């Protein structure tokens, strides 16, 4: 096995706890979206971004950036959403980079799903934590994201050596 910095028992416990927490929360939220609105998490992500876009439309490259998906994944998913009449293609001056917007059906669906989804997030996450925990959680998320950004820029120096 390759050399590397192994996780301590405490770190391994924290990591596995995080993975279990994330899976269970994601699954509970996805089951709710699917059962009550017929939406996948991917559908919801695309629809929220389109609903929040300043003019209600986004170009493909903007959706790629917002979702952090590969171009082919986004393209296939948008085609499926078009067939379900949730989104539609909108011509732009650059024919190679279409824009997308919600259809009337998509607008109705997200208008119903978003408040219910927010309530479920509140029930499953925010109602379970106190304000101090939330502050620490925000700090932790921002710290980890900053580390990911540093790493992606080539800085692999550990920040918290034991």
N, C-alpha and C. Protein backbone atom coordinates (compact mmCIF):
# COMPACT_ATOMS: atom_id res chain seq x y z
N UNK A 1 0.84 -1.18 0.00
CA UNK A 1 0.00 0.00 0.00
C UNK A 1 0.89 1.24 0.00
N UNK A 2 0.45 2.28 -0.67
CA UNK A 2 1.24 3.51 -0.79
C UNK A 2 1.37 4.21 0.56
N UNK A 3 2.52 4.89 0.71
CA UNK A 3 2.74 5.68 1.91
C UNK A 3 1.80 6.87 1.88
N UNK A 4 1.45 7.34 3.02
CA UNK A 4 0.57 8.49 3.11
C UNK A 4 0.25 8.77 4.55
N UNK A 5 -0.44 9.83 4.78
CA UNK A 5 -0.85 10.18 6.14
C UNK A 5 -2.19 9.51 6.41
N UNK A 6 -2.18 8.49 7.25
CA UNK A 6 -3.41 7.80 7.61
C UNK A 6 -4.23 8.66 8.55
N UNK A 7 -5.51 8.39 8.59
CA UNK A 7 -6.38 9.09 9.54
C UNK A 7 -6.21 8.48 10.92
N UNK A 8 -6.24 9.35 11.91
CA UNK A 8 -6.22 8.85 13.29
C UNK A 8 -7.59 8.22 13.56
N UNK A 9 -7.72 7.43 14.62
CA UNK A 9 -9.04 6.86 14.93
C UNK A 9 -10.12 7.94 15.09
N UNK A 10 -9.76 9.05 15.71
CA UNK A 10 -10.73 10.15 15.88
C UNK A 10 -11.11 10.76 14.53
N UNK A 11 -10.10 10.99 13.69
CA UNK A 11 -10.37 11.54 12.35
C UNK A 11 -11.22 10.58 11.53
N UNK A 12 -10.88 9.30 11.59
CA UNK A 12 -11.67 8.31 10.84
C UNK A 12 -13.11 8.29 11.33
N UNK A 13 -13.31 8.35 12.64
CA UNK A 13 -14.66 8.39 13.20
C UNK A 13 -15.40 9.63 12.70
N UNK A 14 -14.73 10.78 12.73
CA UNK A 14 -15.35 12.03 12.26
C UNK A 14 -15.71 11.93 10.77
N UNK A 15 -14.78 11.39 9.97
CA UNK A 15 -15.02 11.28 8.53
C UNK A 15 -16.20 10.36 8.23
N UNK A 16 -16.21 9.21 8.88
CA UNK A 16 -17.31 8.26 8.64
C UNK A 16 -18.64 8.80 9.15
N UNK A 17 -18.60 9.52 10.25
CA UNK A 17 -19.82 10.16 10.75
C UNK A 17 -20.34 11.18 9.75
N UNK A 18 -19.42 11.98 9.20
CA UNK A 18 -19.81 12.97 8.20
C UNK A 18 -20.42 12.29 6.97
N UNK A 19 -19.77 11.23 6.48
CA UNK A 19 -20.30 10.53 5.29
C UNK A 19 -21.68 9.95 5.55
N UNK A 20 -21.88 9.36 6.72
CA UNK A 20 -23.19 8.80 7.05
C UNK A 20 -24.23 9.91 7.16
N UNK A 21 -23.87 11.01 7.82
CA UNK A 21 -24.76 12.17 7.95
C UNK A 21 -25.16 12.70 6.58
N UNK A 22 -24.17 12.89 5.71
CA UNK A 22 -24.43 13.43 4.38
C UNK A 22 -25.33 12.51 3.57
N UNK A 23 -25.03 11.20 3.58
CA UNK A 23 -25.86 10.24 2.84
C UNK A 23 -27.29 10.24 3.34
N UNK A 24 -27.45 10.19 4.66
CA UNK A 24 -28.81 10.12 5.22
C UNK A 24 -29.59 11.40 4.95
N UNK A 25 -28.95 12.55 5.10
CA UNK A 25 -29.64 13.82 4.83
C UNK A 25 -29.98 13.93 3.35
N UNK A 26 -29.01 13.66 2.48
CA UNK A 26 -29.26 13.70 1.03
C UNK A 26 -30.40 12.76 0.65
N UNK A 27 -30.35 11.53 1.15
CA UNK A 27 -31.40 10.56 0.82
C UNK A 27 -32.77 11.01 1.29
N UNK A 28 -32.85 11.54 2.50
CA UNK A 28 -34.14 12.00 3.01
C UNK A 28 -34.69 13.16 2.17
N UNK A 29 -33.81 14.09 1.79
CA UNK A 29 -34.26 15.22 0.97
C UNK A 29 -34.66 14.79 -0.43
N UNK A 30 -33.88 13.88 -1.02
CA UNK A 30 -34.19 13.39 -2.37
C UNK A 30 -35.50 12.60 -2.37
N UNK A 31 -35.69 11.76 -1.36
CA UNK A 31 -36.93 10.98 -1.29
C UNK A 31 -38.14 11.91 -1.21
N UNK A 32 -38.02 12.99 -0.46
CA UNK A 32 -39.11 13.95 -0.35
C UNK A 32 -39.38 14.62 -1.71
N UNK A 33 -38.33 15.10 -2.37
CA UNK A 33 -38.52 15.74 -3.68
C UNK A 33 -39.13 14.77 -4.69
N UNK A 34 -38.67 13.53 -4.68
CA UNK A 34 -39.17 12.53 -5.64
C UNK A 34 -40.62 12.16 -5.33
N UNK A 35 -40.90 11.87 -4.08
CA UNK A 35 -42.25 11.41 -3.71
C UNK A 35 -43.30 12.50 -3.89
N UNK A 36 -42.98 13.72 -3.49
CA UNK A 36 -43.98 14.77 -3.49
C UNK A 36 -44.03 15.60 -4.77
N UNK A 37 -42.89 15.64 -5.52
CA UNK A 37 -42.85 16.52 -6.68
C UNK A 37 -42.32 15.86 -7.95
N UNK A 38 -41.91 14.61 -7.86
CA UNK A 38 -41.39 13.90 -9.03
C UNK A 38 -40.06 14.45 -9.52
N UNK A 39 -39.29 15.06 -8.61
CA UNK A 39 -38.02 15.67 -8.99
C UNK A 39 -36.85 14.92 -8.37
N UNK A 40 -35.78 14.85 -9.13
CA UNK A 40 -34.51 14.34 -8.59
C UNK A 40 -33.77 15.53 -7.98
N UNK A 41 -32.71 15.23 -7.23
CA UNK A 41 -31.88 16.30 -6.69
C UNK A 41 -31.27 17.11 -7.84
N UNK A 42 -30.91 16.43 -8.92
CA UNK A 42 -30.33 17.12 -10.08
C UNK A 42 -31.35 18.05 -10.73
N UNK A 43 -32.59 17.58 -10.87
CA UNK A 43 -33.65 18.44 -11.41
C UNK A 43 -33.78 19.70 -10.56
N UNK A 44 -33.84 19.49 -9.26
CA UNK A 44 -34.04 20.61 -8.34
C UNK A 44 -32.89 21.61 -8.43
N UNK A 45 -31.67 21.11 -8.50
CA UNK A 45 -30.50 21.99 -8.60
C UNK A 45 -30.58 22.87 -9.86
N UNK A 46 -30.89 22.27 -10.98
CA UNK A 46 -31.00 23.04 -12.23
C UNK A 46 -32.14 24.04 -12.13
N UNK A 47 -33.29 23.59 -11.62
CA UNK A 47 -34.46 24.45 -11.58
C UNK A 47 -34.27 25.64 -10.63
N UNK A 48 -33.65 25.41 -9.49
CA UNK A 48 -33.39 26.51 -8.55
C UNK A 48 -32.48 27.55 -9.19
N UNK A 49 -31.44 27.08 -9.87
CA UNK A 49 -30.53 28.03 -10.52
C UNK A 49 -31.26 28.84 -11.58
N UNK A 50 -32.10 28.19 -12.38
CA UNK A 50 -32.85 28.93 -13.41
C UNK A 50 -33.85 29.89 -12.77
N UNK A 51 -34.53 29.44 -11.72
CA UNK A 51 -35.52 30.30 -11.06
C UNK A 51 -34.87 31.53 -10.43
N UNK A 52 -33.63 31.39 -9.97
CA UNK A 52 -32.94 32.50 -9.31
C UNK A 52 -32.13 33.36 -10.28
N UNK A 53 -32.01 32.95 -11.52
CA UNK A 53 -31.25 33.73 -12.51
C UNK A 53 -31.93 35.08 -12.73
N UNK A 54 -31.15 36.15 -12.89
CA UNK A 54 -31.72 37.50 -13.01
C UNK A 54 -32.82 37.62 -14.06
N UNK A 55 -32.64 37.05 -15.22
CA UNK A 55 -33.69 37.15 -16.24
C UNK A 55 -34.39 35.80 -16.45
N UNK A 56 -34.21 34.88 -15.50
CA UNK A 56 -34.89 33.59 -15.58
C UNK A 56 -34.28 32.63 -16.58
N UNK A 57 -33.11 32.97 -17.08
CA UNK A 57 -32.45 32.10 -18.05
C UNK A 57 -30.96 32.06 -17.77
N UNK A 58 -30.37 30.94 -18.15
CA UNK A 58 -28.92 30.79 -18.00
C UNK A 58 -28.38 30.09 -19.22
N UNK A 59 -27.19 30.50 -19.62
CA UNK A 59 -26.50 29.83 -20.72
C UNK A 59 -25.89 28.54 -20.19
N UNK A 60 -25.58 27.65 -21.09
CA UNK A 60 -25.05 26.35 -20.71
C UNK A 60 -23.81 26.49 -19.84
N UNK A 61 -22.88 27.36 -20.23
CA UNK A 61 -21.65 27.49 -19.44
C UNK A 61 -21.94 28.02 -18.03
N UNK A 62 -22.99 28.83 -17.88
CA UNK A 62 -23.36 29.33 -16.55
C UNK A 62 -23.92 28.19 -15.69
N UNK A 63 -24.71 27.33 -16.31
CA UNK A 63 -25.25 26.18 -15.59
C UNK A 63 -24.14 25.19 -15.22
N UNK A 64 -23.16 25.04 -16.11
CA UNK A 64 -22.01 24.18 -15.80
C UNK A 64 -21.29 24.71 -14.56
N UNK A 65 -21.08 26.00 -14.51
CA UNK A 65 -20.41 26.61 -13.36
C UNK A 65 -21.26 26.48 -12.10
N UNK A 66 -22.56 26.71 -12.22
CA UNK A 66 -23.45 26.68 -11.05
C UNK A 66 -23.60 25.27 -10.48
N UNK A 67 -23.65 24.26 -11.35
CA UNK A 67 -23.86 22.89 -10.90
C UNK A 67 -22.57 22.15 -10.63
N UNK A 68 -21.46 22.65 -11.21
CA UNK A 68 -20.15 21.98 -11.14
C UNK A 68 -20.20 20.61 -11.83
N UNK A 69 -21.01 20.51 -12.88
CA UNK A 69 -21.12 19.28 -13.65
C UNK A 69 -20.27 19.38 -14.90
N UNK A 70 -20.00 18.24 -15.49
CA UNK A 70 -19.34 18.21 -16.79
C UNK A 70 -20.37 18.57 -17.85
N UNK A 71 -19.88 19.07 -18.97
CA UNK A 71 -20.77 19.53 -20.05
C UNK A 71 -21.69 18.41 -20.53
N UNK A 72 -21.16 17.21 -20.70
CA UNK A 72 -21.99 16.11 -21.22
C UNK A 72 -23.09 15.73 -20.24
N UNK A 73 -22.77 15.72 -18.94
CA UNK A 73 -23.80 15.40 -17.94
C UNK A 73 -24.92 16.43 -17.98
N UNK A 74 -24.54 17.70 -18.01
CA UNK A 74 -25.55 18.76 -18.06
C UNK A 74 -26.38 18.64 -19.33
N UNK A 75 -25.74 18.43 -20.44
CA UNK A 75 -26.45 18.33 -21.72
C UNK A 75 -27.49 17.21 -21.69
N UNK A 76 -27.08 16.04 -21.22
CA UNK A 76 -28.02 14.91 -21.14
C UNK A 76 -29.16 15.19 -20.17
N UNK A 77 -28.82 15.81 -19.05
CA UNK A 77 -29.87 16.08 -18.06
C UNK A 77 -30.86 17.12 -18.58
N UNK A 78 -30.36 18.16 -19.23
CA UNK A 78 -31.26 19.18 -19.79
C UNK A 78 -32.18 18.58 -20.85
N UNK A 79 -31.67 17.65 -21.65
CA UNK A 79 -32.52 16.99 -22.65
C UNK A 79 -33.65 16.22 -21.98
N UNK A 80 -33.32 15.52 -20.89
CA UNK A 80 -34.37 14.79 -20.16
C UNK A 80 -35.39 15.76 -19.56
N UNK A 81 -34.91 16.88 -19.04
CA UNK A 81 -35.81 17.86 -18.46
C UNK A 81 -36.67 18.53 -19.54
N UNK A 82 -36.12 18.71 -20.73
CA UNK A 82 -36.90 19.25 -21.84
C UNK A 82 -38.03 18.29 -22.21
N UNK A 83 -37.71 17.01 -22.27
CA UNK A 83 -38.74 16.01 -22.61
C UNK A 83 -39.86 16.00 -21.57
N UNK A 84 -39.52 16.29 -20.34
CA UNK A 84 -40.52 16.33 -19.27
C UNK A 84 -41.19 17.70 -19.18
N UNK A 85 -40.83 18.60 -20.07
CA UNK A 85 -41.39 19.95 -20.16
C UNK A 85 -41.18 20.78 -18.88
N UNK A 86 -39.98 20.63 -18.29
CA UNK A 86 -39.61 21.43 -17.13
C UNK A 86 -38.77 22.63 -17.54
N UNK A 87 -37.96 22.47 -18.58
CA UNK A 87 -37.12 23.55 -19.09
C UNK A 87 -37.27 23.61 -20.61
N UNK A 88 -36.87 24.75 -21.14
CA UNK A 88 -36.85 24.88 -22.60
C UNK A 88 -35.61 25.65 -23.02
N UNK A 89 -35.17 25.34 -24.23
CA UNK A 89 -34.02 25.99 -24.84
C UNK A 89 -34.45 27.35 -25.36
N UNK A 90 -33.58 28.34 -25.17
CA UNK A 90 -33.86 29.69 -25.63
C UNK A 90 -32.72 30.10 -26.55
N UNK A 91 -33.03 30.53 -27.77
CA UNK A 91 -31.95 30.93 -28.68
C UNK A 91 -31.19 32.14 -28.13
N UNK A 92 -29.91 32.19 -28.46
CA UNK A 92 -29.07 33.33 -28.11
C UNK A 92 -28.36 33.78 -29.37
N UNK A 93 -27.64 34.90 -29.25
CA UNK A 93 -26.89 35.39 -30.41
C UNK A 93 -25.80 34.42 -30.82
N UNK A 94 -25.30 33.62 -29.87
CA UNK A 94 -24.29 32.61 -30.15
C UNK A 94 -24.99 31.26 -30.21
N UNK A 95 -25.26 30.76 -31.40
CA UNK A 95 -26.03 29.53 -31.56
C UNK A 95 -25.35 28.32 -30.93
N UNK A 96 -24.05 28.40 -30.68
CA UNK A 96 -23.33 27.27 -30.09
C UNK A 96 -23.49 27.23 -28.57
N UNK A 97 -24.04 28.27 -27.98
CA UNK A 97 -24.20 28.34 -26.53
C UNK A 97 -25.64 28.74 -26.20
N UNK A 98 -26.56 27.77 -26.26
CA UNK A 98 -27.95 28.12 -25.97
C UNK A 98 -28.16 28.48 -24.52
N UNK A 99 -29.26 29.11 -24.25
CA UNK A 99 -29.67 29.39 -22.88
C UNK A 99 -30.86 28.50 -22.58
N UNK A 100 -31.15 28.35 -21.30
CA UNK A 100 -32.30 27.55 -20.88
C UNK A 100 -33.09 28.36 -19.88
N UNK A 101 -34.38 28.09 -19.84
CA UNK A 101 -35.26 28.70 -18.86
C UNK A 101 -36.33 27.71 -18.48
N UNK A 102 -36.98 27.97 -17.37
CA UNK A 102 -38.07 27.11 -16.95
C UNK A 102 -39.28 27.30 -17.85
N UNK A 103 -40.00 26.23 -18.09
CA UNK A 103 -41.27 26.33 -18.77
C UNK A 103 -42.31 26.76 -17.75
N UNK A 104 -43.53 26.98 -18.18
CA UNK A 104 -44.60 27.30 -17.23
C UNK A 104 -44.77 26.14 -16.24
N UNK A 105 -44.71 24.91 -16.74
CA UNK A 105 -44.79 23.74 -15.88
C UNK A 105 -43.62 23.71 -14.89
N UNK A 106 -42.41 24.04 -15.36
CA UNK A 106 -41.25 24.09 -14.49
C UNK A 106 -41.38 25.16 -13.42
N UNK A 107 -41.90 26.32 -13.79
CA UNK A 107 -42.10 27.40 -12.83
C UNK A 107 -43.09 27.00 -11.75
N UNK A 108 -44.17 26.36 -12.16
CA UNK A 108 -45.17 25.89 -11.20
C UNK A 108 -44.58 24.84 -10.27
N UNK A 109 -43.83 23.91 -10.85
CA UNK A 109 -43.23 22.83 -10.06
C UNK A 109 -42.26 23.37 -9.03
N UNK A 110 -41.36 24.26 -9.43
CA UNK A 110 -40.37 24.78 -8.48
C UNK A 110 -41.04 25.69 -7.46
N UNK A 111 -42.08 26.41 -7.85
CA UNK A 111 -42.80 27.27 -6.90
C UNK A 111 -43.46 26.43 -5.80
N UNK A 112 -43.86 25.22 -6.13
CA UNK A 112 -44.44 24.32 -5.13
C UNK A 112 -43.36 23.58 -4.34
N UNK A 113 -42.32 23.15 -5.03
CA UNK A 113 -41.30 22.32 -4.40
C UNK A 113 -40.37 23.11 -3.47
N UNK A 114 -39.99 24.32 -3.86
CA UNK A 114 -38.99 25.08 -3.09
C UNK A 114 -39.40 25.33 -1.64
N UNK A 115 -40.61 25.82 -1.37
CA UNK A 115 -40.96 26.04 0.04
C UNK A 115 -41.04 24.73 0.84
N UNK A 116 -41.53 23.68 0.22
CA UNK A 116 -41.61 22.39 0.90
C UNK A 116 -40.21 21.84 1.16
N UNK A 117 -39.30 22.03 0.20
CA UNK A 117 -37.92 21.58 0.38
C UNK A 117 -37.25 22.37 1.50
N UNK A 118 -37.44 23.68 1.52
CA UNK A 118 -36.87 24.50 2.58
C UNK A 118 -37.39 24.07 3.95
N UNK A 119 -38.66 23.76 4.04
CA UNK A 119 -39.24 23.30 5.30
C UNK A 119 -38.63 21.97 5.72
N UNK A 120 -38.41 21.06 4.76
CA UNK A 120 -37.81 19.77 5.09
C UNK A 120 -36.35 19.95 5.53
N UNK A 121 -35.62 20.85 4.88
CA UNK A 121 -34.25 21.15 5.31
C UNK A 121 -34.27 21.69 6.74
N UNK A 122 -35.20 22.58 7.00
CA UNK A 122 -35.32 23.13 8.36
C UNK A 122 -35.60 22.02 9.37
N UNK A 123 -36.56 21.14 9.06
CA UNK A 123 -36.92 20.07 9.98
C UNK A 123 -35.76 19.12 10.25
N UNK A 124 -35.05 18.74 9.19
CA UNK A 124 -34.02 17.72 9.32
C UNK A 124 -32.67 18.26 9.78
N UNK A 125 -32.40 19.52 9.51
CA UNK A 125 -31.08 20.07 9.84
C UNK A 125 -31.16 21.20 10.86
N UNK A 126 -31.75 22.31 10.50
CA UNK A 126 -31.69 23.50 11.34
C UNK A 126 -32.40 23.33 12.67
N UNK A 127 -33.51 22.60 12.70
CA UNK A 127 -34.20 22.38 13.98
C UNK A 127 -33.40 21.49 14.92
N UNK A 128 -32.41 20.77 14.39
CA UNK A 128 -31.62 19.84 15.20
C UNK A 128 -30.38 20.48 15.80
N UNK A 129 -30.05 21.71 15.40
CA UNK A 129 -28.80 22.31 15.87
C UNK A 129 -29.06 23.66 16.54
N UNK A 130 -28.17 24.03 17.45
CA UNK A 130 -28.30 25.33 18.11
C UNK A 130 -27.48 26.38 17.35
N UNK A 131 -27.71 27.66 17.63
CA UNK A 131 -27.01 28.73 16.90
C UNK A 131 -25.49 28.65 16.98
N UNK A 132 -24.95 28.26 18.13
CA UNK A 132 -23.50 28.16 18.26
C UNK A 132 -22.95 27.06 17.35
N UNK A 133 -23.65 25.94 17.31
CA UNK A 133 -23.22 24.86 16.42
C UNK A 133 -23.26 25.35 14.98
N UNK A 134 -24.31 26.06 14.62
CA UNK A 134 -24.46 26.55 13.26
C UNK A 134 -23.30 27.48 12.90
N UNK A 135 -22.91 28.35 13.80
CA UNK A 135 -21.76 29.23 13.55
C UNK A 135 -20.49 28.42 13.30
N UNK A 136 -20.25 27.39 14.14
CA UNK A 136 -19.07 26.55 13.97
C UNK A 136 -19.15 25.76 12.66
N UNK A 137 -20.34 25.31 12.33
CA UNK A 137 -20.54 24.55 11.08
C UNK A 137 -20.22 25.42 9.87
N UNK A 138 -20.71 26.65 9.87
CA UNK A 138 -20.43 27.58 8.76
C UNK A 138 -18.93 27.80 8.65
N UNK A 139 -18.27 28.05 9.78
CA UNK A 139 -16.81 28.24 9.78
C UNK A 139 -16.10 27.02 9.21
N UNK A 140 -16.53 25.84 9.63
CA UNK A 140 -15.91 24.61 9.15
C UNK A 140 -16.09 24.46 7.64
N UNK A 141 -17.30 24.67 7.17
CA UNK A 141 -17.56 24.54 5.72
C UNK A 141 -16.70 25.52 4.93
N UNK A 142 -16.63 26.76 5.38
CA UNK A 142 -15.85 27.77 4.66
C UNK A 142 -14.35 27.46 4.72
N UNK A 143 -13.88 26.94 5.85
CA UNK A 143 -12.47 26.58 5.99
C UNK A 143 -12.11 25.44 5.05
N UNK A 144 -12.96 24.41 5.00
CA UNK A 144 -12.70 23.26 4.12
C UNK A 144 -12.74 23.71 2.66
N UNK A 145 -13.72 24.54 2.30
CA UNK A 145 -13.80 25.02 0.93
C UNK A 145 -12.57 25.84 0.54
N UNK A 146 -12.09 26.66 1.46
CA UNK A 146 -10.87 27.44 1.19
C UNK A 146 -9.69 26.50 0.97
N UNK A 147 -9.62 25.43 1.76
CA UNK A 147 -8.56 24.43 1.58
C UNK A 147 -8.65 23.73 0.24
N UNK A 148 -9.85 23.42 -0.19
CA UNK A 148 -10.05 22.80 -1.50
C UNK A 148 -9.58 23.76 -2.59
N UNK A 149 -9.93 25.02 -2.45
CA UNK A 149 -9.50 26.03 -3.43
C UNK A 149 -7.98 26.14 -3.48
N UNK A 150 -7.33 26.16 -2.29
CA UNK A 150 -5.87 26.22 -2.25
C UNK A 150 -5.27 24.99 -2.93
N UNK A 151 -5.81 23.83 -2.62
CA UNK A 151 -5.31 22.58 -3.19
C UNK A 151 -5.46 22.58 -4.71
N UNK A 152 -6.61 23.05 -5.19
CA UNK A 152 -6.83 23.07 -6.65
C UNK A 152 -5.90 24.06 -7.35
N UNK A 153 -5.36 25.02 -6.60
CA UNK A 153 -4.40 25.99 -7.16
C UNK A 153 -2.96 25.50 -7.01
N UNK A 154 -2.80 24.27 -6.49
CA UNK A 154 -1.46 23.69 -6.39
C UNK A 154 -0.82 23.74 -5.03
N UNK A 155 -1.46 24.36 -4.06
CA UNK A 155 -0.89 24.44 -2.70
C UNK A 155 -1.33 23.21 -1.93
N UNK A 156 -0.41 22.26 -1.74
CA UNK A 156 -0.74 21.00 -1.04
C UNK A 156 -0.16 20.97 0.37
N UNK A 157 0.22 22.13 0.89
CA UNK A 157 0.78 22.20 2.23
C UNK A 157 -0.31 21.96 3.26
N UNK A 158 -0.14 20.97 4.14
CA UNK A 158 -1.15 20.74 5.19
C UNK A 158 -1.26 21.96 6.10
N UNK A 159 -2.46 22.32 6.50
CA UNK A 159 -2.67 23.49 7.34
C UNK A 159 -2.72 23.14 8.83
N UNK A 160 -3.06 21.91 9.15
CA UNK A 160 -3.19 21.50 10.56
C UNK A 160 -2.36 20.26 10.83
N UNK A 161 -1.07 20.40 10.80
CA UNK A 161 -0.21 19.26 11.11
C UNK A 161 -0.37 18.89 12.57
N UNK A 162 -0.44 17.55 12.85
CA UNK A 162 -0.57 17.11 14.24
C UNK A 162 0.69 17.37 15.03
